[in-house]
C-alpha cells in the first residue's frame, strides 16, 4: 500500500530509489558509507541504532526492516523486540549512552548540548563514534520520512529478503542496483 499513484506496487525503499535513480543515488551511497564505514560501533550496533531511531520516529516499515537485519545477524531476538518496542534496557552502560544520545538526537535535535556529548565520552566513546552515531540517526531520519511519506508497508517475505541481504552484504548491493539503473537511464536519454 503506497500513497502515490505510481508506487502502488512498491514493496520497499529500493523501489523508490529505482524509480528515480539519479535523484537517490547520492543518498544510497551515503547510506552505504554510514553503515559500512569502519567504526567502534559494530555492524549490528549500527543496525540497532537504526532500529531504535526508526522506532522513535514511528516508522513501522524501517522497524521491521532493521529487526529482520538484526535477526539475520543472529542478534538476540528478545533484545531485538525490546528495541522495536522502544525499550533498550538490557544493555551495558556504554551502549546505553548511545541509545540515550540517539533518543535525544531523534526526538529533540535542537536540544543537544555539550553535556550530551560529554556523557558519550564518559561512557568510553570517541568523538568519531559520536559522529558515527549522529550519522546513523540522521540518515534514518530521512529514510523513515521517505518510507512513511510513500506509505510503505512491506511484507514478511520482503523483510526476510532485505534482512538476509543486508546482514550478508551490507548496503552495497543496493548501491550497485541504483548505479546500474542510473547508467541504463542515461543511455536511454
Protein backbone atom coordinates (compact mmCIF):
# COMPACT_ATOMS: atom_id res chain seq x y z
CA UNK A 1 0.00 0.00 0.00
CA UNK A 2 1.58 3.19 -1.12
CA UNK A 3 0.02 6.62 -1.21
CA UNK A 4 1.27 7.71 -4.63
CA UNK A 5 -0.36 6.62 -7.87
CA UNK A 6 2.87 5.32 -9.42
CA UNK A 7 4.02 3.46 -6.33
CA UNK A 8 1.04 1.23 -5.58
CA UNK A 9 3.13 -1.94 -6.07
CA UNK A 10 6.24 -0.75 -4.23
CA UNK A 11 7.40 -3.26 -1.61
CA UNK A 12 10.29 -1.28 -0.19
CA UNK A 13 12.65 1.66 -0.33
CA UNK A 14 14.59 0.01 -3.14
CA UNK A 15 11.56 0.52 -5.37
CA UNK A 16 11.56 4.22 -4.52
CA UNK A 17 15.26 4.51 -5.30
CA UNK A 18 14.93 2.63 -8.58
CA UNK A 19 12.08 4.84 -9.76
CA UNK A 20 14.37 7.90 -9.81
CA UNK A 21 17.93 6.55 -9.56
CA UNK A 22 19.69 9.81 -10.39
CA UNK A 23 17.91 11.57 -7.52
CA UNK A 24 18.52 8.86 -4.95
CA UNK A 25 21.98 7.54 -5.87
CA UNK A 26 23.85 10.07 -3.66
CA UNK A 27 21.66 9.18 -0.69
CA UNK A 28 22.08 5.43 -1.21
CA UNK A 29 25.86 5.95 -1.39
CA UNK A 30 25.69 7.94 1.86
CA UNK A 31 23.61 5.19 3.48
CA UNK A 32 26.17 2.58 2.45
CA UNK A 33 29.08 4.72 3.66
CA UNK A 34 27.47 5.45 7.02
CA UNK A 35 26.55 1.83 7.67
CA UNK A 36 29.73 0.18 6.33
CA UNK A 37 32.43 2.60 7.49
CA UNK A 38 34.92 1.20 9.98
CA UNK A 39 33.85 2.24 13.45
CA UNK A 40 33.97 1.36 17.12
CA UNK A 41 30.31 0.52 16.50
CA UNK A 42 29.79 -2.92 15.02
CA UNK A 43 27.53 -3.55 12.05
CA UNK A 44 24.91 -4.90 14.44
CA UNK A 45 25.21 -1.88 16.75
CA UNK A 46 24.66 0.50 13.83
CA UNK A 47 21.59 -1.53 12.86
CA UNK A 48 20.41 -1.32 16.48
CA UNK A 49 20.69 2.47 16.37
CA UNK A 50 18.81 2.49 13.03
CA UNK A 51 16.08 0.28 14.51
CA UNK A 52 15.80 2.32 17.71
CA UNK A 53 15.68 5.71 15.99
CA UNK A 54 13.17 4.32 13.45
CA UNK A 55 11.00 3.16 16.33
CA UNK A 56 11.22 6.60 17.93
CA UNK A 57 10.19 8.12 14.59
CA UNK A 58 7.25 5.71 14.37
CA UNK A 59 8.39 4.19 11.06
CA UNK A 60 6.99 0.65 11.17
CA UNK A 61 8.45 -0.24 7.77
CA UNK A 62 12.01 0.58 8.93
CA UNK A 63 11.45 -1.06 12.33
CA UNK A 64 10.51 -4.29 10.55
CA UNK A 65 13.42 -3.97 8.09
CA UNK A 66 16.08 -3.44 10.76
CA UNK A 67 14.56 -6.09 13.03
CA UNK A 68 14.98 -8.54 10.15
CA UNK A 69 18.58 -7.44 9.58
CA UNK A 70 19.40 -7.90 13.27
CA UNK A 71 17.70 -11.29 13.34
CA UNK A 72 19.75 -12.33 10.29
CA UNK A 73 22.86 -11.09 12.15
CA UNK A 74 21.92 -13.55 14.94
CA UNK A 75 21.14 -10.79 17.45
CA UNK A 76 19.17 -11.99 20.47
CA UNK A 77 15.50 -11.93 19.42
CA UNK A 78 14.27 -10.69 22.81
CA UNK A 79 16.67 -7.77 22.58
CA UNK A 80 15.54 -7.00 19.01
CA UNK A 81 11.92 -6.97 20.24
CA UNK A 82 12.84 -4.65 23.11
CA UNK A 83 14.45 -2.21 20.66
CA UNK A 84 11.45 -2.46 18.33
CA UNK A 85 9.27 -1.56 21.30
CA UNK A 86 11.50 1.38 22.24
CA UNK A 87 12.97 -0.03 25.43
CA UNK A 88 16.66 -0.92 25.03
CA UNK A 89 17.12 -1.75 28.69
CA UNK A 90 19.25 -4.88 28.65
CA UNK A 91 22.50 -3.25 27.50
CA UNK A 92 25.74 -2.32 29.17
CA UNK A 93 26.29 1.27 30.31
CA UNK A 94 28.47 2.06 27.31
CA UNK A 95 25.77 1.11 24.79
CA UNK A 96 23.05 2.63 26.97
CA UNK A 97 24.77 6.01 26.49
CA UNK A 98 24.49 5.56 22.70
CA UNK A 99 20.75 4.86 22.92
CA UNK A 100 20.19 7.79 25.28
CA UNK A 101 22.02 10.10 22.87
CA UNK A 102 20.18 8.63 19.85
CA UNK A 103 16.88 9.17 21.65
CA UNK A 104 17.56 12.85 22.28
CA UNK A 105 19.00 13.44 18.81
CA UNK A 106 15.91 11.83 17.26
CA UNK A 107 13.25 13.45 19.41
CA UNK A 108 14.88 16.74 20.46
CA UNK A 109 17.66 17.52 17.99
CA UNK A 110 17.61 21.23 18.78
CA UNK A 111 18.26 20.50 22.45
CA UNK A 112 21.57 18.64 22.08
CA UNK A 113 24.14 20.33 24.34
CA UNK A 114 27.71 19.78 25.48
CA UNK A 115 26.67 17.52 28.34
CA UNK A 116 25.04 15.09 25.88
CA UNK A 117 28.36 14.73 24.07
CA UNK A 118 30.24 14.56 27.38
CA UNK A 119 28.01 11.67 28.50
CA UNK A 120 29.01 9.70 25.41
CA UNK A 121 32.70 10.43 26.09
CA UNK A 122 32.34 9.45 29.75
CA UNK A 123 30.82 6.15 28.65
CA UNK A 124 34.02 5.50 26.71
CA UNK A 125 33.12 6.53 23.16
CA UNK A 126 35.42 8.55 20.93
CA UNK A 127 34.37 11.69 19.13
CA UNK A 128 34.46 9.69 15.88
CA UNK A 129 31.94 7.23 17.29
CA UNK A 130 29.75 10.11 18.43
CA UNK A 131 29.85 11.38 14.84
CA UNK A 132 29.09 7.87 13.55
CA UNK A 133 26.03 7.77 15.84
CA UNK A 134 24.92 11.19 14.61
CA UNK A 135 25.26 9.97 11.01
CA UNK A 136 23.19 6.81 11.60
CA UNK A 137 20.41 8.73 13.36
CA UNK A 138 20.40 11.46 10.70
CA UNK A 139 20.43 9.07 7.76
CA UNK A 140 17.48 7.13 9.12
CA UNK A 141 15.54 10.29 9.96
CA UNK A 142 15.48 10.90 6.19
CA UNK A 143 14.80 7.28 5.31
CA UNK A 144 12.00 6.98 7.88
CA UNK A 145 10.24 10.01 6.44
CA UNK A 146 10.71 8.74 2.91
CA UNK A 147 9.20 5.34 3.75
CA UNK A 148 6.31 6.85 5.70
CA UNK A 149 5.69 9.58 3.13
CA UNK A 150 5.28 6.93 0.44
CA UNK A 151 3.19 4.77 2.75
CA UNK A 152 5.43 1.69 2.52
CA UNK A 153 4.27 -1.36 4.39
CA UNK A 154 6.39 -4.26 3.10
CA UNK A 155 5.72 -7.95 3.68
CA UNK A 156 7.28 -10.70 5.75
CA UNK A 157 8.96 -12.08 2.63
CA UNK A 158 10.30 -8.65 1.72
CA UNK A 159 11.71 -8.06 5.20
CA UNK A 160 13.30 -11.52 5.29
CA UNK A 161 14.95 -10.92 1.92
CA UNK A 162 16.20 -7.45 2.93
CA UNK A 163 17.37 -8.71 6.31
CA UNK A 164 19.37 -11.55 4.81
CA UNK A 165 20.90 -9.36 2.07
CA UNK A 166 21.95 -6.53 4.40
CA UNK A 167 23.25 -8.94 7.04
CA UNK A 168 25.39 -10.72 4.47
CA UNK A 169 26.45 -7.94 2.08
CA UNK A 170 25.56 -4.64 3.72
CA UNK A 171 24.02 -1.89 1.60
CA UNK A 172 26.47 -2.21 -1.32
CA UNK A 173 24.12 -4.34 -3.48
CA UNK A 174 21.56 -1.54 -3.28
CA UNK A 175 24.19 0.97 -4.43
CA UNK A 176 25.07 -1.28 -7.38
CA UNK A 177 21.41 -1.67 -8.40
CA UNK A 178 20.89 2.09 -8.34
CA UNK A 179 24.14 2.71 -10.24
CA UNK A 180 23.13 0.20 -12.91
CA UNK A 181 19.69 1.76 -13.24
CA UNK A 182 21.30 5.23 -13.47
CA UNK A 183 23.63 4.01 -16.24
CA UNK A 184 20.80 2.47 -18.23
CA UNK A 185 18.64 5.58 -17.76
CA UNK A 186 21.45 7.80 -19.04
CA UNK A 187 21.97 5.54 -22.09
CA UNK A 188 18.28 5.75 -22.93
CA UNK A 189 18.30 9.56 -22.76
